[in-house]
N, C-alpha and C. Protein backbone atom coordinates (compact mmCIF):
# COMPACT_ATOMS: atom_id res chain seq x y z
N MET A 1 0.85 -1.06 -0.24
CA MET A 1 -0.81 0.02 0.45
C MET A 1 1.17 1.45 0.24
N ALA A 2 0.54 2.46 -0.09
CA ALA A 2 1.05 3.20 -0.70
C ALA A 2 1.48 4.16 1.19
N THR A 3 1.34 4.80 0.64
CA THR A 3 2.02 5.35 2.74
C THR A 3 2.12 6.78 2.06
N GLY A 4 2.00 7.48 0.87
CA GLY A 4 2.24 9.28 0.81
C GLY A 4 0.81 9.53 0.83
N ASN A 5 0.71 11.07 0.60
CA ASN A 5 -0.64 11.91 0.81
C ASN A 5 -1.51 11.81 0.23
N TRP A 6 -2.28 12.21 -0.15
CA TRP A 6 -3.50 12.09 -0.82
C TRP A 6 -3.88 13.19 -1.06
N GLN A 7 -4.27 12.60 -2.32
CA GLN A 7 -3.96 13.90 -3.40
C GLN A 7 -5.12 14.27 -4.84
N VAL A 8 -5.93 15.08 -5.45
CA VAL A 8 -6.56 14.90 -5.53
C VAL A 8 -6.14 14.93 -7.05
N ILE A 9 -7.19 14.03 -8.03
CA ILE A 9 -6.43 13.07 -9.58
C ILE A 9 -7.43 13.57 -10.21
N ASN A 10 -6.89 14.31 -11.30
CA ASN A 10 -8.06 15.10 -12.51
C ASN A 10 -7.48 13.96 -13.90
N GLN A 11 -8.75 13.63 -14.76
CA GLN A 11 -8.94 13.08 -15.92
C GLN A 11 -9.77 13.41 -16.38
N MET A 12 -9.50 13.70 -17.85
CA MET A 12 -10.73 14.91 -19.17
C MET A 12 -11.96 12.86 -19.30
N LEU A 13 -13.06 13.08 -19.09
CA LEU A 13 -13.86 11.65 -19.33
C LEU A 13 -14.92 12.25 -20.11
N GLY A 14 -14.30 12.15 -21.32
CA GLY A 14 -15.00 12.81 -22.56
C GLY A 14 -14.85 14.13 -22.56
N SER A 15 -15.71 15.27 -22.90
CA SER A 15 -15.61 16.31 -22.38
C SER A 15 -15.55 16.51 -21.27
N GLN A 16 -16.01 15.59 -19.90
CA GLN A 16 -15.98 16.66 -19.08
C GLN A 16 -14.72 16.05 -18.08
N ARG A 17 -14.34 17.50 -17.30
CA ARG A 17 -12.69 17.39 -15.95
C ARG A 17 -13.45 16.55 -15.36
N MET A 18 -13.10 15.84 -14.33
CA MET A 18 -13.80 14.58 -13.52
C MET A 18 -12.14 15.22 -12.16
N TYR A 19 -12.56 14.58 -10.61
CA TYR A 19 -12.27 14.83 -10.52
C TYR A 19 -12.09 13.43 -9.47
N ILE A 20 -10.85 12.77 -8.61
CA ILE A 20 -10.99 11.25 -7.84
C ILE A 20 -9.90 10.97 -6.10
N VAL A 21 -9.98 11.14 -5.47
CA VAL A 21 -8.67 11.02 -4.65
C VAL A 21 -8.23 9.62 -4.45
N GLY A 22 -6.27 10.02 -4.66
CA GLY A 22 -6.16 8.64 -4.41
C GLY A 22 -3.82 8.67 -4.52
N ARG A 23 -3.90 8.63 -3.87
CA ARG A 23 -1.69 8.61 -3.86
C ARG A 23 -1.34 7.66 -4.60
N VAL A 24 -0.37 8.15 -5.06
CA VAL A 24 0.60 7.26 -5.70
C VAL A 24 1.20 5.95 -4.78
N ILE A 25 1.52 5.20 -5.31
CA ILE A 25 2.08 3.79 -5.03
C ILE A 25 3.64 3.43 -4.49
N ASP A 26 3.95 3.62 -5.73
CA ASP A 26 5.89 3.83 -5.95
C ASP A 26 5.73 5.21 -6.88
N PRO A 27 6.67 6.01 -6.06
CA PRO A 27 6.40 7.01 -6.84
C PRO A 27 7.83 6.66 -7.77
N SER A 28 8.76 6.31 -7.57
CA SER A 28 9.77 5.98 -8.54
C SER A 28 9.98 5.52 -10.26
N ARG A 29 7.80 5.15 -9.77
CA ARG A 29 7.54 4.52 -11.07
C ARG A 29 6.64 5.92 -12.09
N PRO A 30 6.43 5.96 -12.94
CA PRO A 30 4.96 5.73 -13.68
C PRO A 30 4.08 6.71 -12.78
N LEU A 31 3.86 7.95 -13.21
CA LEU A 31 2.19 7.89 -12.66
C LEU A 31 0.59 6.76 -14.25
N HIS A 32 0.84 5.98 -13.55
CA HIS A 32 -0.75 5.34 -14.28
C HIS A 32 -1.71 4.78 -13.82
N ILE A 33 -2.51 4.16 -14.21
CA ILE A 33 -3.51 3.28 -13.27
C ILE A 33 -3.35 3.54 -13.15
N GLY A 34 -2.34 1.61 -12.66
CA GLY A 34 -1.82 0.32 -12.02
C GLY A 34 -0.99 1.45 -10.69
N ASN A 35 -0.81 2.21 -10.28
CA ASN A 35 0.32 3.37 -9.74
C ASN A 35 -0.28 4.27 -9.00
N ILE A 36 -1.94 3.88 -8.48
CA ILE A 36 -2.32 5.03 -7.94
C ILE A 36 -3.44 3.93 -6.51
N GLU A 37 -3.17 4.33 -5.85
CA GLU A 37 -3.97 3.94 -5.53
C GLU A 37 -5.87 4.75 -4.36
N TYR A 38 -6.92 4.37 -4.74
CA TYR A 38 -7.91 5.16 -4.80
C TYR A 38 -8.82 5.15 -3.07
N ALA A 39 -9.06 6.40 -2.75
CA ALA A 39 -9.35 6.27 -1.49
C ALA A 39 -10.46 6.15 -1.25
N PRO A 40 -10.70 4.91 -0.25
CA PRO A 40 -12.21 3.72 0.43
C PRO A 40 -13.02 4.61 -0.16
N ASP A 41 -14.38 4.27 -0.70
CA ASP A 41 -15.88 5.47 -1.00
C ASP A 41 -15.51 6.59 -1.64
N SER A 42 -14.48 5.78 -3.05
CA SER A 42 -13.48 8.03 -3.73
C SER A 42 -14.40 7.67 -5.00
N HIS A 43 -15.18 8.40 -5.56
CA HIS A 43 -15.98 8.30 -6.84
C HIS A 43 -15.53 9.49 -7.23
N TYR A 44 -15.60 9.58 -9.32
CA TYR A 44 -15.08 10.61 -9.85
C TYR A 44 -16.17 11.86 -9.35
N THR A 45 -15.88 12.85 -9.61
CA THR A 45 -16.92 13.70 -9.24
C THR A 45 -16.72 14.47 -9.99
N THR A 46 -17.77 15.73 -10.62
CA THR A 46 -16.86 17.45 -11.23
C THR A 46 -16.47 17.99 -10.44
N ASP A 47 -16.81 18.08 -8.79
CA ASP A 47 -16.73 18.96 -7.23
C ASP A 47 -15.12 18.90 -7.35
N LYS A 48 -14.67 19.45 -7.51
CA LYS A 48 -13.29 19.88 -7.21
C LYS A 48 -13.05 20.04 -5.34
N GLU A 49 -13.58 21.17 -5.26
CA GLU A 49 -13.80 21.20 -3.83
C GLU A 49 -14.07 20.09 -3.09
N LYS A 50 -15.12 19.17 -3.17
CA LYS A 50 -15.06 18.46 -2.85
C LYS A 50 -14.47 16.88 -3.19
N ALA A 51 -13.92 16.51 -3.49
CA ALA A 51 -12.20 16.40 -3.35
C ALA A 51 -11.22 15.93 -2.36
N GLU A 52 -11.24 17.54 -2.72
CA GLU A 52 -10.15 18.79 -2.29
C GLU A 52 -10.22 18.69 -0.52
N LYS A 53 -11.91 18.42 -0.19
CA LYS A 53 -12.12 18.87 1.51
C LYS A 53 -12.14 17.03 1.81
N GLN A 54 -11.81 15.92 0.99
CA GLN A 54 -12.16 14.06 1.45
C GLN A 54 -10.70 14.01 1.34
N ALA A 55 -9.70 14.60 0.44
CA ALA A 55 -7.98 14.36 0.39
C ALA A 55 -7.09 14.59 1.84
N GLU A 56 -8.02 15.84 2.20
CA GLU A 56 -6.56 16.56 3.51
C GLU A 56 -7.86 16.23 4.66
N ASP A 57 -9.33 16.05 4.94
CA ASP A 57 -9.70 14.83 5.71
C ASP A 57 -8.85 14.09 5.45
N LEU A 58 -8.76 12.89 4.94
CA LEU A 58 -7.69 12.06 4.63
C LEU A 58 -6.24 12.06 5.21
N ASN A 59 -5.55 13.01 4.50
CA ASN A 59 -4.36 13.06 5.35
C ASN A 59 -4.50 13.90 6.82
N LYS A 60 -5.74 14.17 7.60
CA LYS A 60 -5.40 15.10 9.04
C LYS A 60 -5.00 13.31 9.71
N GLU A 61 -5.71 12.10 9.21
CA GLU A 61 -6.17 10.24 9.51
C GLU A 61 -4.62 10.56 10.36
N LYS A 62 -4.03 10.61 8.99
CA LYS A 62 -1.77 10.18 9.14
C LYS A 62 -1.62 10.41 11.05
């Protein structure tokens, strides 16, 4: 499992920018879907502020 900070990851899905909370598993490897641990109960959203709040809350739990 990853030990880095949770962060907001954005991606264009169709014509919509979407956000999800995750963290890099292995920082020495390129960023790709297989190198990201997604936050529990995290789902793609168009609400960037909601994703940022979730990442902030998760980082406070550490």
